[in-house]
């Protein structure tokens, strides 16, 4: 039982990262209908930038993180303005091609500016807590708390603020939102700023917990889309539940079967769920 609880705790930590990736993807997909494949590479940019600031420039982590998040907001807005906005009214295949091109471009920029070495963001969180036989490293605890805080902040923003209501209105019916006076030109900017900031936060967590290296972003964005499908496309609660379920499933598979098969088992669980609920765990049947 202790081993099961240990793997569940480990799974919650990585599941929090998946949730942040999925929330960024679901807001972009829900508002603009764009499969933003570059989201994983953008997340790695956040991790690389934080590593550069902390290890290369000696900037404290508590300062480097807000700087990286701010850079993510600016990058997200630039991506919307320069890449996706020009093809907004074109065929969906155009946005698809742009998304693939952005993935290669951002990955190339990461290689050019930060190199091809695997790096780990240094932290001073080296204590280990023991709770009823379950070990919880200090860093993992902070990752769980930070992910929970960001998830709660985004949920409150979307559900309780006027801008959040405007975002939901555009997602529900763009034409009706225009008639109600919503500025639909600024909403995509806000969505991409928020989405990229969440992605950067996830990249920082991956860089601190594990490591960041070329190619990791692609795997991360695949997991993000898997979470969307598992939880239900366009559902924020579904993204939260789906991310935690996928993270715990992977951790249990790695702990009791083999780490080599954790991805396979996690996706088998996703397929099994969809066989009985094609709309996802919390998605609505169309």
Protein backbone atom coordinates (compact mmCIF):
# COMPACT_ATOMS: atom_id res chain seq x y z
CA UNK A 1 0.00 0.00 0.00
CA UNK A 2 2.86 2.39 0.83
CA UNK A 3 4.39 1.76 -2.60
CA UNK A 4 1.06 2.48 -4.29
CA UNK A 5 0.69 5.74 -2.36
CA UNK A 6 4.27 6.65 -3.26
CA UNK A 7 3.61 6.19 -6.97
CA UNK A 8 0.36 8.15 -6.73
CA UNK A 9 2.21 11.09 -5.15
CA UNK A 10 4.85 10.90 -7.90
CA UNK A 11 2.08 10.74 -10.51
CA UNK A 12 0.34 13.82 -9.13
CA UNK A 13 3.53 15.84 -9.61
CA UNK A 14 4.00 14.92 -13.27
CA UNK A 15 0.23 15.04 -13.76
CA UNK A 16 0.29 18.69 -12.68
CA UNK A 17 2.76 19.39 -15.49
CA UNK A 18 0.50 17.63 -17.99
CA UNK A 19 -2.47 19.67 -16.76
CA UNK A 20 -0.62 22.95 -17.36
CA UNK A 21 0.31 21.86 -20.89
CA UNK A 22 -3.24 20.68 -21.58
CA UNK A 23 -4.86 23.85 -20.23
CA UNK A 24 -2.74 25.93 -22.59
CA UNK A 25 -3.70 23.72 -25.50
CA UNK A 26 -7.40 23.56 -24.69
CA UNK A 27 -7.79 27.34 -24.48
CA UNK A 28 -6.15 27.83 -27.89
CA UNK A 29 -8.08 24.96 -29.45
CA UNK A 30 -11.37 26.02 -27.87
CA UNK A 31 -11.13 29.66 -28.97
CA UNK A 32 -9.37 29.47 -32.33
CA UNK A 33 -9.71 25.81 -33.30
CA UNK A 34 -5.93 25.60 -33.71
CA UNK A 35 -3.89 22.53 -32.80
CA UNK A 36 -0.92 24.48 -31.45
CA UNK A 37 1.79 21.84 -31.92
CA UNK A 38 4.56 24.33 -31.10
CA UNK A 39 3.32 24.50 -27.51
CA UNK A 40 5.78 21.84 -26.36
CA UNK A 41 8.77 23.59 -27.92
CA UNK A 42 7.62 26.88 -26.39
CA UNK A 43 7.48 25.15 -23.00
CA UNK A 44 11.06 23.98 -23.45
CA UNK A 45 12.04 27.55 -24.33
CA UNK A 46 10.79 28.57 -20.88
CA UNK A 47 12.83 25.82 -19.25
CA UNK A 48 15.97 26.66 -21.21
CA UNK A 49 15.61 30.38 -20.50
CA UNK A 50 15.22 29.75 -16.77
CA UNK A 51 18.30 27.50 -16.79
CA UNK A 52 20.27 30.17 -18.65
CA UNK A 53 19.27 32.87 -16.17
CA UNK A 54 19.96 30.75 -13.08
CA UNK A 55 23.03 28.73 -14.09
CA UNK A 56 24.52 31.08 -16.66
CA UNK A 57 23.80 34.52 -15.20
CA UNK A 58 23.58 33.69 -11.50
CA UNK A 59 20.08 35.15 -11.16
CA UNK A 60 18.08 33.71 -8.22
CA UNK A 61 15.35 31.26 -9.20
CA UNK A 62 12.62 33.40 -7.61
CA UNK A 63 13.55 36.20 -10.03
CA UNK A 64 14.30 34.02 -13.05
CA UNK A 65 10.85 32.40 -13.01
CA UNK A 66 8.86 35.68 -13.33
CA UNK A 67 11.27 36.82 -16.07
CA UNK A 68 10.73 33.59 -17.99
CA UNK A 69 6.95 33.81 -17.56
CA UNK A 70 6.98 37.40 -18.84
CA UNK A 71 9.06 36.34 -21.83
CA UNK A 72 6.50 33.59 -22.44
CA UNK A 73 3.64 36.10 -22.44
CA UNK A 74 5.46 38.26 -25.00
CA UNK A 75 6.34 35.23 -27.14
CA UNK A 76 2.76 33.98 -27.07
CA UNK A 77 1.38 37.31 -28.22
CA UNK A 78 4.00 37.50 -30.99
CA UNK A 79 3.05 34.01 -32.19
CA UNK A 80 -0.62 34.97 -32.38
CA UNK A 81 0.04 38.26 -34.16
CA UNK A 82 2.72 37.14 -36.62
CA UNK A 83 1.93 33.47 -37.25
CA UNK A 84 -1.72 32.62 -36.67
CA UNK A 85 -3.59 35.88 -37.20
CA UNK A 86 -2.66 36.17 -40.91
CA UNK A 87 -4.20 32.73 -41.60
CA UNK A 88 -7.20 33.02 -39.28
CA UNK A 89 -9.75 33.26 -42.11
CA UNK A 90 -7.96 30.81 -44.39
CA UNK A 91 -8.47 27.07 -44.60
CA UNK A 92 -7.73 25.05 -41.46
CA UNK A 93 -4.89 23.32 -43.27
CA UNK A 94 -3.04 26.65 -43.37
CA UNK A 95 -3.07 26.97 -39.58
CA UNK A 96 -2.02 23.32 -39.34
CA UNK A 97 1.01 23.95 -41.57
CA UNK A 98 1.86 27.11 -39.61
CA UNK A 99 1.72 25.12 -36.37
CA UNK A 100 4.12 22.51 -37.72
CA UNK A 101 6.44 25.21 -39.05
CA UNK A 102 6.42 27.00 -35.70
CA UNK A 103 7.38 23.76 -33.97
CA UNK A 104 10.50 23.41 -36.11
CA UNK A 105 11.29 27.12 -35.84
CA UNK A 106 11.06 27.32 -32.05
CA UNK A 107 12.96 24.05 -31.67
CA UNK A 108 15.67 25.43 -33.97
CA UNK A 109 15.87 28.67 -31.97
CA UNK A 110 16.22 26.66 -28.76
CA UNK A 111 19.13 24.75 -30.29
CA UNK A 112 20.74 27.93 -31.63
CA UNK A 113 20.58 29.95 -28.42
CA UNK A 114 20.77 27.27 -25.71
CA UNK A 115 22.65 24.41 -27.34
CA UNK A 116 21.89 20.71 -27.64
CA UNK A 117 23.01 19.53 -24.20
CA UNK A 118 20.62 18.04 -21.66
CA UNK A 119 20.34 20.42 -18.71
CA UNK A 120 18.68 20.48 -15.31
CA UNK A 121 17.55 23.72 -13.66
CA UNK A 122 19.48 23.97 -10.36
CA UNK A 123 17.48 24.51 -7.18
CA UNK A 124 18.23 24.53 -3.48
CA UNK A 125 15.20 22.41 -2.59
CA UNK A 126 16.97 19.25 -1.44
CA UNK A 127 15.03 18.27 1.68
CA UNK A 128 12.94 15.11 1.75
CA UNK A 129 9.80 14.77 3.84
CA UNK A 130 8.52 11.43 5.12
CA UNK A 131 4.76 11.26 5.65
CA UNK A 132 3.52 7.92 6.91
CA UNK A 133 6.26 6.08 5.02
CA UNK A 134 5.69 8.04 1.79
CA UNK A 135 8.71 10.12 0.81
CA UNK A 136 8.06 13.52 -0.70
CA UNK A 137 11.03 15.55 -1.96
CA UNK A 138 10.75 19.26 -1.24
CA UNK A 139 11.04 20.14 -4.94
CA UNK A 140 8.22 17.79 -5.88
CA UNK A 141 6.03 19.29 -3.15
CA UNK A 142 6.63 22.81 -4.51
CA UNK A 143 5.87 21.62 -8.05
CA UNK A 144 2.52 20.19 -6.90
CA UNK A 145 1.66 23.37 -4.98
CA UNK A 146 2.72 25.66 -7.85
CA UNK A 147 0.71 23.63 -10.38
CA UNK A 148 -2.35 23.70 -8.11
CA UNK A 149 -2.00 27.47 -7.66
CA UNK A 150 -1.70 28.11 -11.40
CA UNK A 151 -4.65 25.82 -12.17
CA UNK A 152 -6.78 27.60 -9.56
CA UNK A 153 -5.70 31.04 -10.83
CA UNK A 154 -6.58 30.17 -14.43
CA UNK A 155 -9.93 28.67 -13.42
CA UNK A 156 -10.85 31.79 -11.43
CA UNK A 157 -9.70 34.04 -14.28
CA UNK A 158 -11.79 32.21 -16.87
CA UNK A 159 -14.86 31.77 -14.69
CA UNK A 160 -14.98 34.97 -12.60
CA UNK A 161 -13.47 37.86 -14.57
CA UNK A 162 -14.98 39.89 -17.42
CA UNK A 163 -12.09 38.95 -19.70
CA UNK A 164 -12.63 35.30 -18.86
CA UNK A 165 -16.33 35.63 -19.63
CA UNK A 166 -15.42 37.23 -22.97
CA UNK A 167 -13.10 34.31 -23.73
CA UNK A 168 -15.87 31.81 -22.99
CA UNK A 169 -18.33 33.84 -25.07
CA UNK A 170 -16.02 33.80 -28.09
CA UNK A 171 -15.50 30.05 -27.65
CA UNK A 172 -19.28 29.50 -27.44
CA UNK A 173 -20.38 31.73 -30.33
CA UNK A 174 -18.00 34.19 -31.97
CA UNK A 175 -20.72 36.03 -33.92
CA UNK A 176 -22.92 36.48 -30.85
CA UNK A 177 -19.90 37.71 -28.88
CA UNK A 178 -19.26 40.36 -31.52
CA UNK A 179 -22.89 41.51 -31.30
CA UNK A 180 -22.53 41.79 -27.51
CA UNK A 181 -19.56 44.14 -27.91
CA UNK A 182 -16.69 41.73 -27.23
CA UNK A 183 -13.45 42.82 -28.91
CA UNK A 184 -12.64 39.56 -30.65
CA UNK A 185 -9.32 40.90 -31.93
CA UNK A 186 -7.79 41.14 -28.47
CA UNK A 187 -9.17 37.87 -27.10
CA UNK A 188 -6.74 35.67 -29.11
CA UNK A 189 -3.84 37.76 -27.76
CA UNK A 190 -4.97 37.16 -24.19
CA UNK A 191 -5.50 33.47 -24.88
CA UNK A 192 -2.03 32.98 -26.36
CA UNK A 193 -0.40 35.03 -23.59
CA UNK A 194 -2.09 32.89 -20.94
CA UNK A 195 -1.49 29.64 -22.80
CA UNK A 196 2.21 30.30 -23.33
CA UNK A 197 2.73 31.40 -19.72
CA UNK A 198 1.22 28.08 -18.56
CA UNK A 199 3.45 26.22 -21.01
CA UNK A 200 6.55 28.05 -19.79
CA UNK A 201 5.64 27.18 -16.19
CA UNK A 202 5.36 23.52 -17.22
CA UNK A 203 8.75 23.70 -18.95
CA UNK A 204 10.34 25.11 -15.81
CA UNK A 205 8.87 22.28 -13.74
CA UNK A 206 10.12 19.66 -16.19
CA UNK A 207 13.58 21.25 -16.18
CA UNK A 208 13.74 21.26 -12.38
CA UNK A 209 12.19 17.82 -11.79
CA UNK A 210 13.83 15.89 -14.62
CA UNK A 211 15.78 17.54 -17.44
CA UNK A 212 15.24 19.43 -20.67
CA UNK A 213 16.79 18.48 -23.98
CA UNK A 214 16.03 18.75 -27.70
CA UNK A 215 13.00 16.68 -28.65
CA UNK A 216 11.35 16.64 -25.24
CA UNK A 217 8.89 19.35 -26.27
CA UNK A 218 7.36 17.15 -28.98
CA UNK A 219 6.71 14.35 -26.51
CA UNK A 220 5.26 16.82 -24.04
CA UNK A 221 2.77 18.26 -26.51
CA UNK A 222 1.66 14.76 -27.52
CA UNK A 223 0.93 14.06 -23.85
CA UNK A 224 -0.96 17.36 -23.71
CA UNK A 225 -3.23 16.39 -26.59
CA UNK A 226 -3.69 12.94 -25.05
CA UNK A 227 -4.91 14.65 -21.88
CA UNK A 228 -7.35 16.76 -23.92
CA UNK A 229 -8.79 13.67 -25.57
CA UNK A 230 -8.93 11.76 -22.30
CA UNK A 231 -10.59 14.59 -20.36
CA UNK A 232 -12.79 15.87 -23.18
CA UNK A 233 -11.96 18.44 -25.85
CA UNK A 234 -12.65 21.99 -24.72
CA UNK A 235 -13.30 21.03 -21.10
CA UNK A 236 -11.09 22.75 -18.53
CA UNK A 237 -12.19 20.41 -15.69
CA UNK A 238 -11.63 17.53 -18.10
CA UNK A 239 -8.06 18.71 -18.77
CA UNK A 240 -7.39 18.83 -15.02
CA UNK A 241 -8.82 15.36 -14.36
CA UNK A 242 -7.25 13.89 -17.50
CA UNK A 243 -3.80 15.22 -16.65
CA UNK A 244 -3.86 13.81 -13.13
CA UNK A 245 -5.20 10.46 -14.35
CA UNK A 246 -2.50 10.21 -17.04
CA UNK A 247 0.25 11.19 -14.60
CA UNK A 248 -0.81 8.67 -11.95
CA UNK A 249 -1.26 5.93 -14.56
CA UNK A 250 2.25 6.51 -15.91
CA UNK A 251 3.75 6.51 -12.43
CA UNK A 252 1.98 3.28 -11.41
CA UNK A 253 3.02 1.63 -14.67
CA UNK A 254 6.65 2.68 -14.18
CA UNK A 255 6.65 1.52 -10.56
CA UNK A 256 4.94 -1.85 -10.94
CA UNK A 257 5.56 -2.86 -14.57
CA UNK A 258 8.46 -1.09 -16.27
CA UNK A 259 9.41 2.48 -17.05
CA UNK A 260 9.97 1.34 -20.65
CA UNK A 261 6.23 0.63 -20.98
CA UNK A 262 4.77 3.49 -18.96
CA UNK A 263 3.80 5.51 -22.04
CA UNK A 264 2.23 2.49 -23.73
CA UNK A 265 0.18 1.58 -20.67
CA UNK A 266 -0.93 5.19 -20.16
CA UNK A 267 -2.21 5.41 -23.74
CA UNK A 268 -3.90 2.02 -23.44
CA UNK A 269 -5.82 3.40 -20.46
CA UNK A 270 -6.80 6.42 -22.56
CA UNK A 271 -8.06 4.15 -25.36
CA UNK A 272 -9.96 2.01 -22.84
CA UNK A 273 -11.70 5.09 -21.41
CA UNK A 274 -12.64 6.37 -24.86
CA UNK A 275 -14.15 3.03 -25.82
CA UNK A 276 -16.81 3.62 -23.17
CA UNK A 277 -16.86 7.44 -23.20
CA UNK A 278 -15.89 8.70 -26.69
CA UNK A 279 -16.41 12.29 -25.51
CA UNK A 280 -13.82 11.86 -22.74
CA UNK A 281 -14.16 11.72 -18.98
CA UNK A 282 -15.84 15.11 -18.59
CA UNK A 283 -16.61 16.03 -22.18
CA UNK A 284 -20.13 16.54 -23.47
CA UNK A 285 -21.58 14.23 -26.10
CA UNK A 286 -22.24 16.09 -29.33
